[in-house]
């Protein structure tokens, strides 16, 4: 488990939420889509870290 990688994923998720909200407010579909993509990327990073944690638990 890498706390640094989880923190980066959390930061990317927050950034994505803010960008999506900005796109919603301004009516810019590109910003909204990019924000949603960042959130999906962050979720994938968290899932990857969860798998790594489970593998480490099974090895120990």
PDB file of N, CA and C in Angstrom:
ATOM      1  N   UNK A   1       0.845  -1.183   0.000  1.00  0.00           N
ATOM      2  CA  UNK A   1       0.000   0.000   0.000  1.00  0.00           C
ATOM      3  C   UNK A   1       0.880   1.232   0.000  1.00  0.00           C
ATOM      4  N   UNK A   2       0.585   2.083  -0.905  1.00  0.00           N
ATOM      5  CA  UNK A   2       1.320   3.320  -0.972  1.00  0.00           C
ATOM      6  C   UNK A   2       0.396   4.469  -0.591  1.00  0.00           C
ATOM      7  N   UNK A   3       0.676   5.052   0.531  1.00  0.00           N
ATOM      8  CA  UNK A   3      -0.135   6.183   0.982  1.00  0.00           C
ATOM      9  C   UNK A   3      -0.011   7.334  -0.003  1.00  0.00           C
ATOM     10  N   UNK A   4       1.188   7.494  -0.555  1.00  0.00           N
ATOM     11  CA  UNK A   4       1.410   8.578  -1.517  1.00  0.00           C
ATOM     12  C   UNK A   4       0.534   8.404  -2.752  1.00  0.00           C
ATOM     13  N   UNK A   5       0.441   7.180  -3.269  1.00  0.00           N
ATOM     14  CA  UNK A   5      -0.386   6.925  -4.451  1.00  0.00           C
ATOM     15  C   UNK A   5      -1.868   7.121  -4.145  1.00  0.00           C
ATOM     16  N   UNK A   6      -2.281   6.716  -2.950  1.00  0.00           N
ATOM     17  CA  UNK A   6      -3.685   6.931  -2.570  1.00  0.00           C
ATOM     18  C   UNK A   6      -3.979   8.427  -2.436  1.00  0.00           C
ATOM     19  N   UNK A   7      -3.031   9.181  -1.884  1.00  0.00           N
ATOM     20  CA  UNK A   7      -3.212  10.627  -1.742  1.00  0.00           C
ATOM     21  C   UNK A   7      -3.302  11.290  -3.112  1.00  0.00           C
ATOM     22  N   UNK A   8      -2.478  10.838  -4.047  1.00  0.00           N
ATOM     23  CA  UNK A   8      -2.527  11.388  -5.408  1.00  0.00           C
ATOM     24  C   UNK A   8      -3.871  11.077  -6.055  1.00  0.00           C
ATOM     25  N   UNK A   9      -4.362   9.878  -5.856  1.00  0.00           N
ATOM     26  CA  UNK A   9      -5.657   9.495  -6.427  1.00  0.00           C
ATOM     27  C   UNK A   9      -6.779  10.328  -5.810  1.00  0.00           C
ATOM     28  N   UNK A  10      -6.702  10.560  -4.525  1.00  0.00           N
ATOM     29  CA  UNK A  10      -7.716  11.377  -3.854  1.00  0.00           C
ATOM     30  C   UNK A  10      -7.671  12.807  -4.371  1.00  0.00           C
ATOM     31  N   UNK A  11      -6.468  13.332  -4.547  1.00  0.00           N
ATOM     32  CA  UNK A  11      -6.325  14.688  -5.083  1.00  0.00           C
ATOM     33  C   UNK A  11      -6.889  14.771  -6.499  1.00  0.00           C
ATOM     34  N   UNK A  12      -6.631  13.754  -7.307  1.00  0.00           N
ATOM     35  CA  UNK A  12      -7.144  13.737  -8.682  1.00  0.00           C
ATOM     36  C   UNK A  12      -8.669  13.659  -8.669  1.00  0.00           C
ATOM     37  N   UNK A  13      -9.228  12.908  -7.737  1.00  0.00           N
ATOM     38  CA  UNK A  13     -10.680  12.801  -7.617  1.00  0.00           C
ATOM     39  C   UNK A  13     -11.284  14.165  -7.275  1.00  0.00           C
ATOM     40  N   UNK A  14     -10.681  14.856  -6.327  1.00  0.00           N
ATOM     41  CA  UNK A  14     -11.172  16.183  -5.935  1.00  0.00           C
ATOM     42  C   UNK A  14     -11.050  17.153  -7.110  1.00  0.00           C
ATOM     43  N   UNK A  15      -9.910  17.104  -7.784  1.00  0.00           N
ATOM     44  CA  UNK A  15      -9.706  17.958  -8.948  1.00  0.00           C
ATOM     45  C   UNK A  15     -10.778  17.682 -10.004  1.00  0.00           C
ATOM     46  N   UNK A  16     -11.077  16.419 -10.226  1.00  0.00           N
ATOM     47  CA  UNK A  16     -12.100  16.043 -11.194  1.00  0.00           C
ATOM     48  C   UNK A  16     -13.478  16.542 -10.799  1.00  0.00           C
ATOM     49  N   UNK A  17     -13.801  16.440  -9.508  1.00  0.00           N
ATOM     50  CA  UNK A  17     -15.099  16.925  -9.038  1.00  0.00           C
ATOM     51  C   UNK A  17     -15.223  18.431  -9.243  1.00  0.00           C
ATOM     52  N   UNK A  18     -14.136  19.161  -8.947  1.00  0.00           N
ATOM     53  CA  UNK A  18     -14.156  20.608  -9.131  1.00  0.00           C
ATOM     54  C   UNK A  18     -14.287  20.978 -10.606  1.00  0.00           C
ATOM     55  N   UNK A  19     -13.555  20.268 -11.454  1.00  0.00           N
ATOM     56  CA  UNK A  19     -13.616  20.547 -12.884  1.00  0.00           C
ATOM     57  C   UNK A  19     -15.006  20.219 -13.443  1.00  0.00           C
ATOM     58  N   UNK A  20     -15.574  19.121 -12.984  1.00  0.00           N
ATOM     59  CA  UNK A  20     -16.918  18.763 -13.432  1.00  0.00           C
ATOM     60  C   UNK A  20     -17.927  19.830 -12.995  1.00  0.00           C
ATOM     61  N   UNK A  21     -17.806  20.285 -11.761  1.00  0.00           N
ATOM     62  CA  UNK A  21     -18.710  21.318 -11.258  1.00  0.00           C
ATOM     63  C   UNK A  21     -18.538  22.621 -12.043  1.00  0.00           C
ATOM     64  N   UNK A  22     -17.299  22.983 -12.347  1.00  0.00           N
ATOM     65  CA  UNK A  22     -17.041  24.194 -13.126  1.00  0.00           C
ATOM     66  C   UNK A  22     -17.667  24.066 -14.515  1.00  0.00           C
ATOM     67  N   UNK A  23     -17.539  22.905 -15.106  1.00  0.00           N
ATOM     68  CA  UNK A  23     -18.144  22.672 -16.414  1.00  0.00           C
ATOM     69  C   UNK A  23     -19.653  22.752 -16.360  1.00  0.00           C
ATOM     70  N   UNK A  24     -20.220  22.277 -15.272  1.00  0.00           N
ATOM     71  CA  UNK A  24     -21.669  22.336 -15.089  1.00  0.00           C
ATOM     72  C   UNK A  24     -22.127  23.790 -14.964  1.00  0.00           C
ATOM     73  N   UNK A  25     -21.383  24.569 -14.180  1.00  0.00           N
ATOM     74  CA  UNK A  25     -21.745  25.974 -13.955  1.00  0.00           C
ATOM     75  C   UNK A  25     -21.599  26.797 -15.235  1.00  0.00           C
ATOM     76  N   UNK A  26     -20.490  26.594 -15.939  1.00  0.00           N
ATOM     77  CA  UNK A  26     -20.225  27.386 -17.141  1.00  0.00           C
ATOM     78  C   UNK A  26     -20.926  26.839 -18.377  1.00  0.00           C
ATOM     79  N   UNK A  27     -21.429  25.629 -18.284  1.00  0.00           N
ATOM     80  CA  UNK A  27     -22.082  25.013 -19.431  1.00  0.00           C
ATOM     81  C   UNK A  27     -21.095  24.450 -20.442  1.00  0.00           C
ATOM     82  N   UNK A  28     -19.869  24.189 -19.986  1.00  0.00           N
ATOM     83  CA  UNK A  28     -18.825  23.665 -20.871  1.00  0.00           C
ATOM     84  C   UNK A  28     -18.800  22.139 -20.771  1.00  0.00           C
ATOM     85  N   UNK A  29     -19.311  21.444 -21.779  1.00  0.00           N
ATOM     86  CA  UNK A  29     -19.356  19.978 -21.710  1.00  0.00           C
ATOM     87  C   UNK A  29     -17.969  19.342 -21.717  1.00  0.00           C
ATOM     88  N   UNK A  30     -16.983  20.007 -22.322  1.00  0.00           N
ATOM     89  CA  UNK A  30     -15.623  19.467 -22.348  1.00  0.00           C
ATOM     90  C   UNK A  30     -15.044  19.412 -20.931  1.00  0.00           C
ATOM     91  N   UNK A  31     -15.183  20.505 -20.183  1.00  0.00           N
ATOM     92  CA  UNK A  31     -14.696  20.525 -18.799  1.00  0.00           C
ATOM     93  C   UNK A  31     -15.407  19.476 -17.955  1.00  0.00           C
ATOM     94  N   UNK A  32     -16.701  19.366 -18.146  1.00  0.00           N
ATOM     95  CA  UNK A  32     -17.482  18.389 -17.377  1.00  0.00           C
ATOM     96  C   UNK A  32     -17.000  16.965 -17.675  1.00  0.00           C
ATOM     97  N   UNK A  33     -16.785  16.660 -18.947  1.00  0.00           N
ATOM     98  CA  UNK A  33     -16.324  15.326 -19.342  1.00  0.00           C
ATOM     99  C   UNK A  33     -14.913  15.044 -18.829  1.00  0.00           C
ATOM    100  N   UNK A  34     -14.045  16.043 -18.904  1.00  0.00           N
ATOM    101  CA  UNK A  34     -12.673  15.861 -18.401  1.00  0.00           C
ATOM    102  C   UNK A  34     -12.680  15.633 -16.893  1.00  0.00           C
ATOM    103  N   UNK A  35     -13.552  16.328 -16.186  1.00  0.00           N
ATOM    104  CA  UNK A  35     -13.667  16.138 -14.743  1.00  0.00           C
ATOM    105  C   UNK A  35     -14.140  14.733 -14.405  1.00  0.00           C
ATOM    106  N   UNK A  36     -15.101  14.247 -15.165  1.00  0.00           N
ATOM    107  CA  UNK A  36     -15.603  12.894 -14.939  1.00  0.00           C
ATOM    108  C   UNK A  36     -14.519  11.860 -15.246  1.00  0.00           C
ATOM    109  N   UNK A  37     -13.724  12.126 -16.274  1.00  0.00           N
ATOM    110  CA  UNK A  37     -12.635  11.206 -16.627  1.00  0.00           C
ATOM    111  C   UNK A  37     -11.586  11.157 -15.516  1.00  0.00           C
ATOM    112  N   UNK A  38     -11.281  12.297 -14.927  1.00  0.00           N
ATOM    113  CA  UNK A  38     -10.308  12.324 -13.823  1.00  0.00           C
ATOM    114  C   UNK A  38     -10.835  11.534 -12.629  1.00  0.00           C
ATOM    115  N   UNK A  39     -12.124  11.641 -12.378  1.00  0.00           N
ATOM    116  CA  UNK A  39     -12.710  10.898 -11.270  1.00  0.00           C
ATOM    117  C   UNK A  39     -12.640   9.394 -11.531  1.00  0.00           C
ATOM    118  N   UNK A  40     -12.894   8.985 -12.760  1.00  0.00           N
ATOM    119  CA  UNK A  40     -12.809   7.565 -13.111  1.00  0.00           C
ATOM    120  C   UNK A  40     -11.378   7.062 -12.973  1.00  0.00           C
ATOM    121  N   UNK A  41     -10.428   7.886 -13.380  1.00  0.00           N
ATOM    122  CA  UNK A  41      -9.013   7.514 -13.248  1.00  0.00           C
ATOM    123  C   UNK A  41      -8.635   7.351 -11.776  1.00  0.00           C
ATOM    124  N   UNK A  42      -9.137   8.236 -10.937  1.00  0.00           N
ATOM    125  CA  UNK A  42      -8.860   8.146  -9.501  1.00  0.00           C
ATOM    126  C   UNK A  42      -9.469   6.878  -8.909  1.00  0.00           C
ATOM    127  N   UNK A  43     -10.671   6.526  -9.340  1.00  0.00           N
ATOM    128  CA  UNK A  43     -11.312   5.310  -8.845  1.00  0.00           C
ATOM    129  C   UNK A  43     -10.509   4.076  -9.250  1.00  0.00           C
ATOM    130  N   UNK A  44      -9.980   4.097 -10.460  1.00  0.00           N
ATOM    131  CA  UNK A  44      -9.164   2.977 -10.927  1.00  0.00           C
ATOM    132  C   UNK A  44      -7.887   2.863 -10.099  1.00  0.00           C
ATOM    133  N   UNK A  45      -7.294   3.994  -9.764  1.00  0.00           N
ATOM    134  CA  UNK A  45      -6.080   3.994  -8.946  1.00  0.00           C
ATOM    135  C   UNK A  45      -6.372   3.421  -7.557  1.00  0.00           C
ATOM    136  N   UNK A  46      -7.496   3.818  -6.972  1.00  0.00           N
ATOM    137  CA  UNK A  46      -7.876   3.278  -5.661  1.00  0.00           C
ATOM    138  C   UNK A  46      -8.109   1.764  -5.749  1.00  0.00           C
ATOM    139  N   UNK A  47      -8.747   1.314  -6.809  1.00  0.00           N
ATOM    140  CA  UNK A  47      -8.994  -0.114  -6.986  1.00  0.00           C
ATOM    141  C   UNK A  47      -7.671  -0.872  -7.108  1.00  0.00           C
ATOM    142  N   UNK A  48      -6.737  -0.310  -7.833  1.00  0.00           N
ATOM    143  CA  UNK A  48      -5.418  -0.933  -7.981  1.00  0.00           C
ATOM    144  C   UNK A  48      -4.730  -1.058  -6.622  1.00  0.00           C
ATOM    145  N   UNK A  49      -4.813  -0.013  -5.828  1.00  0.00           N
ATOM    146  CA  UNK A  49      -4.207  -0.043  -4.499  1.00  0.00           C
ATOM    147  C   UNK A  49      -4.900  -1.064  -3.599  1.00  0.00           C
ATOM    148  N   UNK A  50      -6.223  -1.205  -3.739  1.00  0.00           N
ATOM    149  CA  UNK A  50      -6.963  -2.207  -2.960  1.00  0.00           C
ATOM    150  C   UNK A  50      -6.485  -3.617  -3.304  1.00  0.00           C
ATOM    151  N   UNK A  51      -6.280  -3.879  -4.590  1.00  0.00           N
ATOM    152  CA  UNK A  51      -5.794  -5.191  -5.027  1.00  0.00           C
ATOM    153  C   UNK A  51      -4.401  -5.442  -4.459  1.00  0.00           C
ATOM    154  N   UNK A  52      -3.541  -4.429  -4.518  1.00  0.00           N
ATOM    155  CA  UNK A  52      -2.192  -4.585  -3.970  1.00  0.00           C
ATOM    156  C   UNK A  52      -2.243  -4.879  -2.473  1.00  0.00           C
ATOM    157  N   UNK A  53      -3.146  -4.206  -1.758  1.00  0.00           N
ATOM    158  CA  UNK A  53      -3.296  -4.438  -0.315  1.00  0.00           C
ATOM    159  C   UNK A  53      -3.749  -5.874  -0.040  1.00  0.00           C
ATOM    160  N   UNK A  54      -4.719  -6.344  -0.807  1.00  0.00           N
ATOM    161  CA  UNK A  54      -5.217  -7.710  -0.620  1.00  0.00           C
ATOM    162  C   UNK A  54      -4.144  -8.751  -0.920  1.00  0.00           C
ATOM    163  N   UNK A  55      -3.370  -8.520  -1.962  1.00  0.00           N
ATOM    164  CA  UNK A  55      -2.273  -9.444  -2.279  1.00  0.00           C
ATOM    165  C   UNK A  55      -1.255  -9.475  -1.157  1.00  0.00           C
ATOM    166  N   UNK A  56      -0.935  -8.311  -0.626  1.00  0.00           N
ATOM    167  CA  UNK A  56       0.035  -8.248   0.471  1.00  0.00           C
ATOM    168  C   UNK A  56      -0.502  -8.994   1.705  1.00  0.00           C
ATOM    169  N   UNK A  57      -1.805  -8.825   1.999  1.00  0.00           N
ATOM    170  CA  UNK A  57      -2.406  -9.526   3.128  1.00  0.00           C
ATOM    171  C   UNK A  57      -2.330 -11.042   2.935  1.00  0.00           C
ATOM    172  N   UNK A  58      -2.603 -11.498   1.723  1.00  0.00           N
ATOM    173  CA  UNK A  58      -2.594 -12.953   1.473  1.00  0.00           C
ATOM    174  C   UNK A  58      -1.189 -13.525   1.538  1.00  0.00           C
ATOM    175  N   UNK A  59      -0.197 -12.735   1.211  1.00  0.00           N
ATOM    176  CA  UNK A  59       1.195 -13.197   1.282  1.00  0.00           C
ATOM    177  C   UNK A  59       1.656 -13.269   2.731  1.00  0.00           C
ATOM    178  N   UNK A  60       1.218 -12.298   3.538  1.00  0.00           N
ATOM    179  CA  UNK A  60       1.658 -12.254   4.948  1.00  0.00           C
ATOM    180  C   UNK A  60       1.031 -13.300   5.774  1.00  0.00           C
TER     181      UNK A  60
END
